[in-house]
């Protein structure tokens, strides 16, 4: 169950990013990226639950958690820039 949730939210981030790249307005760009940020938060949550329940070791997921944090920083920066240029 947790793995399915992780797969769903993790792949949704890419879908939101792809939609943002094809957005027709700044508002739509911001909205799609903010949706991606929500999915990233959910993805990290599921990974933390997998570690917390002992189903997966921290060391196996650490690289993915770090990457999610890096993607979060990138998307936050992109949204901030878009809002300033709006």
N, C-alpha and C. Protein backbone atom coordinates (compact mmCIF):
# COMPACT_ATOMS: atom_id res chain seq x y z
N UNK A 1 0.83 -1.20 0.00
CA UNK A 1 0.00 0.00 0.00
C UNK A 1 0.87 1.26 0.00
N UNK A 2 1.84 1.32 0.91
CA UNK A 2 2.71 2.49 0.97
C UNK A 2 3.50 2.66 -0.33
N UNK A 3 3.96 1.54 -0.87
CA UNK A 3 4.72 1.59 -2.12
C UNK A 3 3.90 2.14 -3.27
N UNK A 4 2.64 1.77 -3.32
CA UNK A 4 1.76 2.28 -4.38
C UNK A 4 1.55 3.78 -4.24
N UNK A 5 1.38 4.24 -3.00
CA UNK A 5 1.19 5.67 -2.75
C UNK A 5 2.46 6.43 -3.15
N UNK A 6 3.61 5.86 -2.80
CA UNK A 6 4.88 6.48 -3.16
C UNK A 6 5.04 6.57 -4.67
N UNK A 7 4.71 5.50 -5.36
CA UNK A 7 4.80 5.50 -6.83
C UNK A 7 3.88 6.55 -7.43
N UNK A 8 2.65 6.63 -6.93
CA UNK A 8 1.68 7.58 -7.46
C UNK A 8 2.13 9.03 -7.27
N UNK A 9 2.52 9.36 -6.04
CA UNK A 9 2.91 10.75 -5.78
C UNK A 9 4.25 11.09 -6.44
N UNK A 10 5.16 10.13 -6.44
CA UNK A 10 6.47 10.38 -7.03
C UNK A 10 6.41 10.63 -8.53
N UNK A 11 5.57 9.88 -9.23
CA UNK A 11 5.45 10.08 -10.67
C UNK A 11 4.60 11.30 -11.01
N UNK A 12 3.74 11.69 -10.10
CA UNK A 12 2.90 12.86 -10.32
C UNK A 12 3.73 14.15 -10.38
N UNK A 13 4.84 14.17 -9.67
CA UNK A 13 5.71 15.35 -9.69
C UNK A 13 6.15 15.65 -11.11
N UNK A 14 6.60 14.63 -11.82
CA UNK A 14 7.04 14.81 -13.20
C UNK A 14 5.91 15.27 -14.11
N UNK A 15 4.72 14.75 -13.89
CA UNK A 15 3.57 15.16 -14.69
C UNK A 15 3.25 16.63 -14.48
N UNK A 16 3.30 17.08 -13.24
CA UNK A 16 3.05 18.50 -12.94
C UNK A 16 4.12 19.38 -13.60
N UNK A 17 5.37 18.94 -13.52
CA UNK A 17 6.45 19.72 -14.13
C UNK A 17 6.25 19.82 -15.64
N UNK A 18 5.90 18.71 -16.25
CA UNK A 18 5.68 18.71 -17.71
C UNK A 18 4.53 19.65 -18.08
N UNK A 19 3.47 19.61 -17.30
CA UNK A 19 2.34 20.52 -17.55
C UNK A 19 2.76 21.97 -17.35
N UNK A 20 3.59 22.24 -16.35
CA UNK A 20 4.05 23.61 -16.10
C UNK A 20 4.85 24.13 -17.28
N UNK A 21 5.67 23.28 -17.86
CA UNK A 21 6.48 23.69 -19.01
C UNK A 21 5.60 24.09 -20.19
N UNK A 22 4.42 23.54 -20.27
CA UNK A 22 3.51 23.84 -21.39
C UNK A 22 2.40 24.81 -21.00
N UNK A 23 2.56 25.46 -19.87
CA UNK A 23 1.51 26.36 -19.38
C UNK A 23 1.33 27.55 -20.33
N UNK A 24 0.11 28.07 -20.32
CA UNK A 24 -0.24 29.18 -21.20
C UNK A 24 -0.15 30.54 -20.52
N UNK A 25 0.05 30.52 -19.20
CA UNK A 25 0.14 31.78 -18.46
C UNK A 25 1.05 31.59 -17.25
N UNK A 26 1.46 32.71 -16.69
CA UNK A 26 2.28 32.66 -15.48
C UNK A 26 1.49 32.04 -14.34
N UNK A 27 0.22 32.38 -14.23
CA UNK A 27 -0.61 31.83 -13.17
C UNK A 27 -0.72 30.32 -13.28
N UNK A 28 -0.87 29.82 -14.49
CA UNK A 28 -0.95 28.37 -14.69
C UNK A 28 0.40 27.72 -14.38
N UNK A 29 1.49 28.36 -14.77
CA UNK A 29 2.84 27.87 -14.48
C UNK A 29 3.03 27.73 -12.97
N UNK A 30 2.64 28.76 -12.24
CA UNK A 30 2.77 28.75 -10.78
C UNK A 30 1.91 27.64 -10.19
N UNK A 31 0.69 27.54 -10.64
CA UNK A 31 -0.24 26.54 -10.12
C UNK A 31 0.28 25.12 -10.33
N UNK A 32 0.76 24.83 -11.53
CA UNK A 32 1.26 23.48 -11.82
C UNK A 32 2.50 23.16 -10.98
N UNK A 33 3.40 24.12 -10.83
CA UNK A 33 4.59 23.88 -10.02
C UNK A 33 4.24 23.74 -8.54
N UNK A 34 3.26 24.50 -8.08
CA UNK A 34 2.83 24.35 -6.69
C UNK A 34 2.18 22.98 -6.48
N UNK A 35 1.48 22.48 -7.49
CA UNK A 35 0.93 21.12 -7.41
C UNK A 35 2.05 20.10 -7.31
N UNK A 36 3.11 20.32 -8.08
CA UNK A 36 4.28 19.44 -8.02
C UNK A 36 4.93 19.48 -6.65
N UNK A 37 4.97 20.66 -6.04
CA UNK A 37 5.53 20.79 -4.70
C UNK A 37 4.70 20.00 -3.68
N UNK A 38 3.40 20.04 -3.81
CA UNK A 38 2.55 19.26 -2.91
C UNK A 38 2.82 17.77 -3.06
N UNK A 39 2.98 17.33 -4.30
CA UNK A 39 3.26 15.92 -4.54
C UNK A 39 4.64 15.53 -4.01
N UNK A 40 5.61 16.43 -4.11
CA UNK A 40 6.93 16.16 -3.54
C UNK A 40 6.85 15.98 -2.03
N UNK A 41 6.10 16.85 -1.38
CA UNK A 41 5.93 16.73 0.07
C UNK A 41 5.29 15.39 0.43
N UNK A 42 4.30 15.00 -0.34
CA UNK A 42 3.65 13.72 -0.09
C UNK A 42 4.62 12.57 -0.33
N UNK A 43 5.42 12.68 -1.36
CA UNK A 43 6.39 11.63 -1.67
C UNK A 43 7.39 11.45 -0.53
N UNK A 44 7.90 12.55 -0.01
CA UNK A 44 8.83 12.47 1.12
C UNK A 44 8.11 11.87 2.33
N UNK A 45 6.88 12.23 2.53
CA UNK A 45 6.09 11.67 3.64
C UNK A 45 6.02 10.15 3.53
N UNK A 46 5.71 9.62 2.35
CA UNK A 46 5.61 8.17 2.17
C UNK A 46 6.97 7.50 2.40
N UNK A 47 8.03 8.15 1.93
CA UNK A 47 9.36 7.57 2.17
C UNK A 47 9.68 7.55 3.65
N UNK A 48 9.34 8.62 4.36
CA UNK A 48 9.57 8.66 5.81
C UNK A 48 8.77 7.58 6.53
N UNK A 49 7.56 7.32 6.06
CA UNK A 49 6.75 6.26 6.66
C UNK A 49 7.37 4.88 6.40
N UNK A 50 7.87 4.68 5.20
CA UNK A 50 8.52 3.41 4.90
C UNK A 50 9.72 3.17 5.81
N UNK A 51 10.48 4.22 6.05
CA UNK A 51 11.63 4.11 6.96
C UNK A 51 11.14 3.94 8.40
N UNK A 52 10.16 4.74 8.79
CA UNK A 52 9.66 4.71 10.17
C UNK A 52 9.04 3.38 10.56
N UNK A 53 8.44 2.70 9.61
CA UNK A 53 7.83 1.40 9.90
C UNK A 53 8.85 0.26 9.82
N UNK A 54 10.04 0.58 9.35
CA UNK A 54 11.08 -0.44 9.24
C UNK A 54 10.99 -1.28 7.98
N UNK A 55 10.08 -0.92 7.08
CA UNK A 55 9.95 -1.68 5.84
C UNK A 55 11.15 -1.48 4.91
N UNK A 56 11.75 -0.28 4.97
CA UNK A 56 12.90 0.05 4.14
C UNK A 56 13.91 0.79 5.01
N UNK A 57 15.17 0.51 4.81
CA UNK A 57 16.19 1.19 5.62
C UNK A 57 16.40 2.62 5.14
N UNK A 58 16.79 3.47 6.06
CA UNK A 58 17.08 4.87 5.75
C UNK A 58 18.12 4.97 4.64
N UNK A 59 19.13 4.11 4.71
CA UNK A 59 20.23 4.18 3.73
C UNK A 59 19.74 3.89 2.31
N UNK A 60 18.72 3.07 2.15
CA UNK A 60 18.20 2.76 0.81
C UNK A 60 17.42 3.92 0.21
N UNK A 61 16.83 4.73 1.05
CA UNK A 61 16.02 5.84 0.55
C UNK A 61 16.70 7.20 0.64
N UNK A 62 17.83 7.28 1.30
CA UNK A 62 18.45 8.58 1.55
C UNK A 62 18.72 9.36 0.28
N UNK A 63 19.25 8.72 -0.75
CA UNK A 63 19.51 9.43 -2.00
C UNK A 63 18.23 9.99 -2.61
N UNK A 64 17.14 9.23 -2.54
CA UNK A 64 15.86 9.71 -3.08
C UNK A 64 15.30 10.86 -2.25
N UNK A 65 15.44 10.78 -0.94
CA UNK A 65 14.99 11.87 -0.07
C UNK A 65 15.79 13.13 -0.36
N UNK A 66 17.09 12.98 -0.51
CA UNK A 66 17.94 14.13 -0.84
C UNK A 66 17.54 14.73 -2.18
N UNK A 67 17.28 13.88 -3.16
CA UNK A 67 16.87 14.38 -4.47
C UNK A 67 15.53 15.11 -4.39
N UNK A 68 14.61 14.59 -3.61
CA UNK A 68 13.31 15.25 -3.43
C UNK A 68 13.49 16.62 -2.79
N UNK A 69 14.40 16.72 -1.83
CA UNK A 69 14.67 18.02 -1.20
C UNK A 69 15.29 18.99 -2.20
N UNK A 70 16.16 18.49 -3.07
CA UNK A 70 16.77 19.35 -4.09
C UNK A 70 15.73 19.81 -5.11
N UNK A 71 14.86 18.90 -5.51
CA UNK A 71 13.78 19.28 -6.44
C UNK A 71 12.84 20.29 -5.80
N UNK A 72 12.58 20.12 -4.52
CA UNK A 72 11.73 21.08 -3.80
C UNK A 72 12.36 22.47 -3.86
N UNK A 73 13.65 22.56 -3.60
CA UNK A 73 14.33 23.86 -3.64
C UNK A 73 14.25 24.48 -5.04
N UNK A 74 14.41 23.66 -6.06
CA UNK A 74 14.34 24.16 -7.44
C UNK A 74 12.95 24.68 -7.76
N UNK A 75 11.92 23.92 -7.41
CA UNK A 75 10.56 24.34 -7.71
C UNK A 75 10.15 25.56 -6.90
N UNK A 76 10.55 25.62 -5.63
CA UNK A 76 10.24 26.80 -4.81
C UNK A 76 10.87 28.04 -5.44
N UNK A 77 12.12 27.93 -5.85
CA UNK A 77 12.80 29.05 -6.48
C UNK A 77 12.11 29.47 -7.78
N UNK A 78 11.69 28.49 -8.56
CA UNK A 78 11.01 28.78 -9.82
C UNK A 78 9.69 29.50 -9.59
N UNK A 79 8.93 29.04 -8.60
CA UNK A 79 7.65 29.68 -8.27
C UNK A 79 7.87 31.10 -7.77
N UNK A 80 8.85 31.29 -6.90
CA UNK A 80 9.15 32.63 -6.39
C UNK A 80 9.51 33.57 -7.51
N UNK A 81 10.36 33.12 -8.42
CA UNK A 81 10.77 33.95 -9.56
C UNK A 81 9.56 34.30 -10.43
N UNK A 82 8.71 33.32 -10.70
CA UNK A 82 7.53 33.55 -11.52
C UNK A 82 6.59 34.56 -10.84
N UNK A 83 6.45 34.46 -9.53
CA UNK A 83 5.58 35.40 -8.81
C UNK A 83 6.15 36.81 -8.85
N UNK A 84 7.47 36.95 -8.77
CA UNK A 84 8.09 38.27 -8.84
C UNK A 84 7.94 38.90 -10.22
N UNK A 85 7.97 38.07 -11.24
CA UNK A 85 7.89 38.55 -12.62
C UNK A 85 6.46 38.65 -13.15
N UNK A 86 5.50 38.34 -12.32
CA UNK A 86 4.08 38.30 -12.73
C UNK A 86 3.57 39.69 -13.07
